[in-house]
Amino acid sequence: MKKTIKIVFITFISIIAVIGLIIGSIVLVLYLKDREYKKYSGHGFAYMHGYSSTDFTGYHVYDGDKLVRLDHEPAFVIENEEDMPILDGAEACYPIYTAVAKTLYKDIDKIEEKILRQVENKTSEWSEEDVIYYKSNGKIVTFTNSKVGYYRLVDGEIDLFFGARPSREQLDYAKSEKKEIESIVIGKEAFVFFVEEDNPLDNISSDDLRKIYSGQITNWKQLGDKNQKIIAFQRPEDSGSQVMMHYFMKDVPLKEADTVEMIDAMSGVIKKVKQYHNEKGAIGYTFRYFLEGLQQEKGVKMLSIDGVYPSVENIENNTYPIIADLVVSKLKDNEKDNVNKLIEFLLSKDGQYIIRETGYGGLDELGIM
């Protein structure tokens, strides 16, 4: 009897131990996945209803102490709220079009701040969805980034989108809706590659970059550096950076991007492209203004490409090899007078001043540099 009790007890303890081991393993896996997601999912700023990875404090129209301003009155001002074109843009362009709105839209700071206060006090008759959205993203000077903004443009929710050119998928969507996107070049930007600041590499060729991102070069020793695996980060599809990366790669296919899994309340387990994390052997890419203007990455350095550094001077004189057009896009059939006037302003001396002082290259071919 005692032997039987002993066996049962040992069996019970063994079962408890196995169950504990299983639960512990599950907890450990979930912990590691959560830690991996936090490490690679981006910067985690809770700004702009989750669309932004950057703290935009100081760049809004109502707290815009970081915005570029003219030292004189502009050629025209839009006085009535209903006549103000609705703006949206890529993350790196937010400081440009908020500065433009602050310059041209009369009392836009008071208009947007009033909306913000209405939302906070829940005095409006908007739906809960509108309340959440407008509290973070504005009503006239809005922000949803490249991935969402172009679709909003096609759907008629906004008048102008600032950023890189639309992706093939976004153009196809416009075509399916029987719309045509018209993009006007308003400035220049460098598409840059960066590594951690203590990486001895300062320059790399375009061909070697394509070999890294196609999987042909996987170790820094293949480029004359130390024996270390290259961790080549990519960006999400439909982002401005990824659109530009496909353009840069030409006919060379990009290798499959590393992803990280996360739990989404609406969609269950989803995969997201791993974002740059400053670690040994890492390399990433973005637009220059992210690094120098918004200081999105810390402890990194930009690489010269084919022997040319991405300075503003080298962007404007076209010697840097990977220059991207900064564009403002509209629907071709949008004939609102103030939409066209705003585009004309961007191409004027004052508009180019705002673009250049924000940190982008201007259009020297306009003869106003």
Protein backbone atom coordinates (compact mmCIF):
# COMPACT_ATOMS: atom_id res chain seq x y z
CA MET A 1 0.00 0.00 0.00
CA LYS A 2 2.77 2.39 0.98
CA LYS A 3 4.60 1.48 -2.21
CA THR A 4 1.49 2.26 -4.26
CA ILE A 5 1.06 5.61 -2.52
CA LYS A 6 4.71 6.40 -3.15
CA ILE A 7 4.37 5.57 -6.85
CA VAL A 8 1.22 7.70 -7.15
CA PHE A 9 2.93 10.57 -5.34
CA ILE A 10 6.01 10.37 -7.55
CA THR A 11 3.80 10.18 -10.64
CA PHE A 12 1.81 13.21 -9.44
CA ILE A 13 5.00 15.19 -8.79
CA SER A 14 6.33 14.19 -12.21
CA ILE A 15 3.12 15.36 -13.91
CA ILE A 16 3.25 18.67 -12.02
CA ALA A 17 6.91 19.07 -13.02
CA VAL A 18 6.12 18.38 -16.68
CA ILE A 19 3.19 20.81 -16.62
CA GLY A 20 5.40 23.41 -14.94
CA LEU A 21 8.08 22.84 -17.57
CA ILE A 22 5.55 23.27 -20.38
CA ILE A 23 4.09 26.44 -18.85
CA GLY A 24 7.57 27.79 -18.18
CA SER A 25 8.59 27.10 -21.77
CA ILE A 26 5.50 28.87 -23.11
CA VAL A 27 6.14 31.88 -20.87
CA LEU A 28 9.80 31.96 -21.93
CA VAL A 29 8.90 31.80 -25.64
CA LEU A 30 6.31 34.58 -25.24
CA TYR A 31 8.81 36.66 -23.26
CA LEU A 32 11.53 36.22 -25.86
CA LYS A 33 9.12 37.02 -28.69
CA ASP A 34 7.90 40.13 -26.88
CA ARG A 35 11.48 41.20 -26.22
CA GLU A 36 12.37 40.56 -29.86
CA TYR A 37 9.37 42.57 -31.01
CA LYS A 38 10.26 45.49 -28.73
CA LYS A 39 13.82 45.31 -29.98
CA TYR A 40 13.09 45.22 -33.71
CA SER A 41 9.64 46.75 -34.20
CA GLY A 42 10.84 50.36 -34.34
CA HIS A 43 11.03 53.28 -31.98
CA GLY A 44 7.74 52.78 -30.20
CA PHE A 45 6.65 56.40 -29.96
CA ALA A 46 2.96 56.67 -29.15
CA TYR A 47 2.43 59.58 -31.50
CA MET A 48 0.02 60.37 -34.31
CA HIS A 49 -2.37 57.51 -33.61
CA GLY A 50 0.40 54.96 -34.11
CA TYR A 51 1.40 56.06 -37.61
CA SER A 52 4.59 57.83 -36.52
CA SER A 53 7.83 56.41 -35.17
CA THR A 54 9.05 59.93 -34.36
CA ASP A 55 8.24 62.37 -31.60
CA PHE A 56 6.76 65.34 -33.51
CA THR A 57 6.56 67.65 -30.50
CA GLY A 58 7.47 71.12 -31.76
CA TYR A 59 6.48 70.36 -35.35
CA HIS A 60 2.69 70.63 -35.01
CA VAL A 61 1.00 73.80 -36.20
CA TYR A 62 -0.11 74.51 -32.61
CA ASP A 63 3.28 73.93 -30.93
CA GLY A 64 5.54 74.63 -33.87
CA ASP A 65 8.59 76.18 -32.24
CA LYS A 66 10.80 73.95 -34.43
CA LEU A 67 9.13 74.94 -37.70
CA VAL A 68 10.86 77.09 -40.32
CA ARG A 69 9.25 80.53 -40.68
CA LEU A 70 9.53 83.38 -43.14
CA ASP A 71 10.70 86.80 -41.93
CA HIS A 72 8.02 88.49 -44.06
CA GLU A 73 4.41 88.04 -45.10
CA PRO A 74 3.83 85.41 -47.84
CA ALA A 75 2.42 86.33 -51.25
CA PHE A 76 -1.01 84.95 -50.31
CA VAL A 77 -2.83 83.68 -47.25
CA ILE A 78 -5.86 81.36 -47.14
CA GLU A 79 -8.24 82.90 -44.65
CA ASN A 80 -11.28 80.62 -44.61
CA GLU A 81 -11.03 77.15 -43.06
CA GLU A 82 -13.21 75.57 -45.75
CA ASP A 83 -10.82 76.83 -48.45
CA MET A 84 -7.71 75.23 -46.91
CA PRO A 85 -6.45 72.17 -48.85
CA ILE A 86 -6.21 69.11 -46.57
CA LEU A 87 -2.62 67.94 -46.27
CA ASP A 88 -0.99 64.60 -45.46
CA GLY A 89 2.49 63.24 -45.96
CA ALA A 90 5.36 60.92 -45.25
CA GLU A 91 6.82 61.00 -41.77
CA ALA A 92 9.99 62.83 -42.83
CA CYS A 93 7.93 65.48 -44.64
CA TYR A 94 5.72 66.45 -41.73
CA PRO A 95 7.97 69.39 -40.72
CA ILE A 96 7.72 70.77 -44.28
CA TYR A 97 3.99 70.81 -44.78
CA THR A 98 3.21 71.89 -41.24
CA ALA A 99 5.55 74.84 -41.79
CA VAL A 100 3.80 75.62 -45.08
CA ALA A 101 0.37 75.43 -43.41
CA LYS A 102 1.57 77.61 -40.55
CA THR A 103 2.72 80.16 -43.16
CA LEU A 104 -0.28 80.14 -45.51
CA TYR A 105 -3.30 79.06 -43.43
CA LYS A 106 -4.64 81.90 -41.28
CA ASP A 107 -5.01 80.88 -37.64
CA ILE A 108 -4.39 77.20 -38.46
CA ASP A 109 -2.82 76.81 -35.01
CA LYS A 110 -6.05 77.96 -33.35
CA ILE A 111 -8.20 75.87 -35.71
CA GLU A 112 -6.33 72.63 -35.00
CA GLU A 113 -5.92 73.37 -31.30
CA LYS A 114 -9.67 74.04 -31.02
CA ILE A 115 -10.37 70.68 -32.62
CA LEU A 116 -7.89 69.05 -30.24
CA ARG A 117 -9.60 70.62 -27.22
CA GLN A 118 -13.06 69.59 -28.48
CA VAL A 119 -11.85 66.05 -28.74
CA GLU A 120 -10.22 66.06 -25.33
CA ASN A 121 -13.38 67.47 -23.75
CA LYS A 122 -15.63 65.28 -25.92
CA THR A 123 -17.79 68.28 -26.81
CA SER A 124 -18.01 67.34 -30.49
CA GLU A 125 -20.61 65.10 -32.08
CA TRP A 126 -18.00 62.96 -33.83
CA SER A 127 -17.96 59.21 -33.60
CA GLU A 128 -15.56 57.54 -31.18
CA GLU A 129 -13.38 56.61 -34.17
CA ASP A 130 -13.20 60.27 -35.23
CA VAL A 131 -12.37 61.30 -31.68
CA ILE A 132 -9.43 58.90 -31.51
CA TYR A 133 -8.21 59.91 -34.97
CA TYR A 134 -8.43 63.69 -34.71
CA LYS A 135 -6.91 63.73 -31.26
CA SER A 136 -3.64 62.57 -32.78
CA ASN A 137 -3.65 63.37 -36.46
CA GLY A 138 -5.34 66.71 -37.07
CA LYS A 139 -8.23 67.60 -39.35
CA ILE A 140 -6.69 69.90 -41.98
CA VAL A 141 -2.98 69.30 -41.39
CA THR A 142 -3.16 65.53 -41.08
CA PHE A 143 -0.62 62.73 -40.87
CA THR A 144 -0.88 59.03 -41.73
CA ASN A 145 2.48 58.37 -43.54
CA SER A 146 3.25 56.95 -47.02
CA LYS A 147 1.63 53.58 -46.48
CA VAL A 148 -1.81 55.08 -45.81
CA GLY A 149 -1.64 58.60 -47.21
CA TYR A 150 -1.67 57.78 -50.91
CA TYR A 151 -4.79 55.68 -50.48
CA ARG A 152 -6.42 58.61 -48.68
CA LEU A 153 -5.45 60.81 -51.63
CA VAL A 154 -7.12 58.48 -54.12
CA ASP A 155 -10.20 58.18 -51.90
CA GLY A 156 -10.57 61.96 -51.85
CA GLU A 157 -9.93 62.38 -48.11
CA ILE A 158 -7.00 64.75 -48.66
CA ASP A 159 -5.94 67.23 -51.36
CA LEU A 160 -2.15 66.99 -51.27
CA PHE A 161 0.35 64.34 -50.18
CA PHE A 162 4.02 65.19 -49.46
CA GLY A 163 6.69 62.50 -49.77
CA ALA A 164 8.36 60.11 -52.17
CA ARG A 165 6.60 58.98 -55.33
CA PRO A 166 3.78 56.44 -54.95
CA SER A 167 4.53 52.73 -55.08
CA ARG A 168 3.40 50.48 -57.94
CA GLU A 169 0.63 49.09 -55.73
CA GLN A 170 -0.61 52.60 -54.91
CA LEU A 171 -0.62 53.57 -58.58
CA ASP A 172 -2.51 50.39 -59.40
CA TYR A 173 -5.07 51.26 -56.72
CA ALA A 174 -5.54 54.70 -58.27
CA LYS A 175 -6.03 53.11 -61.67
CA SER A 176 -8.60 50.66 -60.26
CA GLU A 177 -10.52 53.67 -58.91
CA LYS A 178 -10.24 55.41 -62.29
CA LYS A 179 -8.04 58.12 -60.79
CA GLU A 180 -4.65 59.46 -61.81
CA ILE A 181 -2.02 60.68 -59.36
CA GLU A 182 0.02 63.67 -60.48
CA SER A 183 3.34 64.21 -58.66
CA ILE A 184 5.22 67.52 -58.80
CA VAL A 185 8.89 67.65 -57.78
CA ILE A 186 9.44 70.29 -55.07
CA GLY A 187 12.87 69.32 -53.72
CA LYS A 188 15.62 66.73 -53.50
CA GLU A 189 16.53 64.20 -50.86
CA ALA A 190 19.31 61.65 -50.43
CA PHE A 191 18.54 57.98 -49.97
CA VAL A 192 21.19 56.88 -47.47
CA PHE A 193 22.65 53.73 -45.95
CA PHE A 194 23.94 53.76 -42.39
CA VAL A 195 25.86 51.56 -39.98
CA GLU A 196 26.74 51.78 -36.28
CA GLU A 197 29.15 54.64 -35.66
CA ASP A 198 32.11 52.44 -34.66
CA ASN A 199 31.96 50.42 -37.88
CA PRO A 200 35.29 51.16 -39.65
CA LEU A 201 33.53 51.28 -43.02
CA ASP A 202 33.01 54.83 -44.35
CA ASN A 203 32.35 54.19 -48.03
CA ILE A 204 30.67 51.46 -50.03
CA SER A 205 29.88 50.96 -53.70
CA SER A 206 26.39 50.76 -55.15
CA ASP A 207 27.18 47.31 -56.54
CA ASP A 208 28.24 45.99 -53.13
CA LEU A 209 25.06 47.36 -51.56
CA ARG A 210 22.98 45.49 -54.12
CA LYS A 211 24.98 42.34 -53.38
CA ILE A 212 24.34 42.73 -49.64
CA TYR A 213 20.61 43.21 -50.10
CA SER A 214 20.26 40.40 -52.61
CA GLY A 215 22.11 37.98 -50.32
CA GLN A 216 25.31 37.62 -52.36
CA ILE A 217 27.45 39.31 -49.70
CA THR A 218 26.67 38.12 -46.17
CA ASN A 219 29.84 38.87 -44.18
CA TRP A 220 31.80 42.09 -43.76
CA LYS A 221 35.05 40.20 -44.47
CA GLN A 222 33.90 39.96 -48.10
CA LEU A 223 34.34 43.75 -48.17
CA GLY A 224 37.76 43.67 -46.51
CA ASP A 225 36.46 44.15 -42.99
CA LYS A 226 36.44 41.76 -40.03
CA ASN A 227 34.76 38.36 -39.98
CA GLN A 228 31.24 39.41 -38.93
CA LYS A 229 27.80 38.56 -40.24
CA ILE A 230 25.99 41.42 -41.99
CA ILE A 231 22.55 42.09 -40.52
CA ALA A 232 20.80 43.90 -43.36
CA PHE A 233 17.55 45.52 -42.24
CA GLN A 234 14.75 46.42 -44.63
CA ARG A 235 11.64 48.60 -44.37
CA PRO A 236 7.92 47.71 -44.68
CA GLU A 237 6.41 47.52 -48.16
CA ASP A 238 4.65 50.69 -49.37
CA SER A 239 6.85 52.82 -47.09
CA GLY A 240 8.68 55.58 -48.95
CA SER A 241 12.04 54.04 -48.08
CA GLN A 242 11.10 50.61 -49.42
CA VAL A 243 9.73 52.09 -52.64
CA MET A 244 13.05 53.86 -53.12
CA MET A 245 14.98 50.70 -52.25
CA HIS A 246 13.24 48.75 -55.01
CA TYR A 247 14.14 51.58 -57.39
CA PHE A 248 17.78 51.49 -56.23
CA MET A 249 18.05 47.71 -56.66
CA LYS A 250 17.03 48.00 -60.34
CA ASP A 251 16.67 44.46 -61.69
CA VAL A 252 18.41 42.81 -58.72
CA PRO A 253 15.81 41.08 -56.49
CA LEU A 254 15.74 41.96 -52.80
CA LYS A 255 16.28 39.03 -50.45
CA GLU A 256 13.37 38.18 -48.17
CA ALA A 257 13.18 40.59 -45.24
CA ASP A 258 13.60 39.35 -41.68
CA THR A 259 10.34 39.58 -39.75
CA VAL A 260 9.20 39.56 -36.16
CA GLU A 261 5.89 38.16 -34.93
CA MET A 262 3.53 40.10 -32.71
CA ILE A 263 0.05 39.65 -31.31
CA ASP A 264 -2.54 42.01 -32.76
CA ALA A 265 -5.90 42.31 -31.00
CA MET A 266 -7.76 42.49 -34.30
CA SER A 267 -5.73 40.14 -36.50
CA GLY A 268 -4.16 37.60 -34.17
CA VAL A 269 -0.51 36.77 -34.90
CA ILE A 270 0.90 39.02 -37.60
CA LYS A 271 4.39 39.51 -39.00
CA LYS A 272 6.16 42.84 -39.31
CA VAL A 273 9.45 43.66 -40.98
CA LYS A 274 12.22 43.95 -38.40
CA GLN A 275 13.26 47.57 -37.94
CA TYR A 276 16.87 48.68 -37.59
CA HIS A 277 18.45 48.01 -34.22
CA ASN A 278 21.88 49.41 -33.47
CA GLU A 279 23.93 46.24 -33.12
CA LYS A 280 27.20 44.90 -34.40
CA GLY A 281 27.18 44.15 -38.09
CA ALA A 282 23.91 46.01 -38.77
CA ILE A 283 23.18 48.14 -41.83
CA GLY A 284 19.99 49.99 -42.66
CA TYR A 285 18.62 52.59 -45.05
CA THR A 286 16.34 55.59 -44.94
CA PHE A 287 16.10 59.15 -46.19
CA ARG A 288 18.78 61.55 -45.00
CA TYR A 289 16.37 63.85 -43.15
CA PHE A 290 15.37 61.02 -40.80
CA LEU A 291 18.94 60.87 -39.51
CA GLU A 292 20.05 64.51 -39.56
CA GLY A 293 16.75 66.36 -39.21
CA LEU A 294 14.62 64.13 -37.00
CA GLN A 295 17.59 62.27 -35.46
CA GLN A 296 15.57 59.08 -35.57
CA GLU A 297 18.56 56.78 -35.16
CA LYS A 298 21.21 57.24 -32.50
CA GLY A 299 24.83 56.14 -32.62
CA VAL A 300 24.95 55.67 -36.38
CA LYS A 301 26.81 57.18 -39.32
CA MET A 302 25.84 57.62 -42.95
CA LEU A 303 28.05 55.99 -45.55
CA SER A 304 29.50 57.63 -48.63
CA ILE A 305 28.27 55.84 -51.75
CA ASP A 306 30.70 55.39 -54.63
CA GLY A 307 32.99 57.86 -52.84
CA VAL A 308 30.40 60.66 -52.43
CA TYR A 309 28.95 61.71 -49.06
CA PRO A 310 25.22 62.63 -48.87
CA SER A 311 25.65 66.30 -47.94
CA VAL A 312 23.12 68.94 -49.00
CA GLU A 313 25.73 70.35 -51.39
CA ASN A 314 26.23 66.96 -53.06
CA ILE A 315 22.46 66.49 -53.27
CA GLU A 316 21.92 69.84 -54.95
CA ASN A 317 24.82 69.44 -57.38
CA ASN A 318 23.64 65.90 -58.23
CA THR A 319 26.99 64.23 -57.46
CA TYR A 320 25.56 61.94 -54.77
CA PRO A 321 24.47 58.80 -56.67
CA ILE A 322 21.13 58.03 -54.98
CA ILE A 323 18.98 61.14 -55.05
CA ALA A 324 15.24 60.89 -54.52
CA ASP A 325 12.69 63.40 -55.69
CA LEU A 326 10.70 65.09 -52.95
CA VAL A 327 7.23 65.44 -54.44
CA VAL A 328 3.81 66.80 -53.66
CA SER A 329 1.04 64.70 -55.19
CA LYS A 330 -2.54 65.50 -56.09
CA LEU A 331 -5.28 63.86 -58.09
CA LYS A 332 -5.07 65.09 -61.65
CA ASP A 333 -8.76 66.02 -61.65
CA ASN A 334 -8.46 68.11 -58.47
CA GLU A 335 -8.81 71.64 -59.83
CA LYS A 336 -9.30 73.49 -56.54
CA ASP A 337 -7.77 76.91 -56.95
CA ASN A 338 -5.92 76.89 -53.64
CA VAL A 339 -4.41 73.47 -54.36
CA ASN A 340 -2.69 74.87 -57.43
CA LYS A 341 -1.73 78.08 -55.59
CA LEU A 342 -0.13 76.07 -52.81
CA ILE A 343 1.91 74.07 -55.34
CA GLU A 344 3.02 77.34 -56.96
CA PHE A 345 4.09 78.57 -53.52
CA LEU A 346 6.22 75.46 -52.98
CA LEU A 347 8.06 76.20 -56.21
CA SER A 348 8.53 79.87 -55.33
CA LYS A 349 11.50 81.43 -53.56
CA ASP A 350 9.65 81.38 -50.22
CA GLY A 351 8.54 77.77 -50.63
CA GLN A 352 12.03 76.64 -51.55
CA TYR A 353 13.39 78.53 -48.55
CA ILE A 354 11.14 76.52 -46.23
CA ILE A 355 12.17 73.25 -47.91
CA ARG A 356 15.90 74.01 -47.76
CA GLU A 357 15.88 75.41 -44.23
CA THR A 358 13.98 72.35 -43.05
CA GLY A 359 16.91 70.27 -44.30
CA TYR A 360 16.21 69.17 -47.86
CA GLY A 361 17.90 70.00 -51.14
CA GLY A 362 16.25 72.67 -53.23
CA LEU A 363 15.60 72.90 -56.96
CA ASP A 364 18.49 74.85 -58.43
CA GLU A 365 16.98 74.53 -61.90
CA LEU A 366 14.31 77.00 -60.79
CA GLY A 367 17.00 79.65 -60.61
CA ILE A 368 16.11 80.68 -57.06
CA MET A 369 18.86 79.00 -55.04
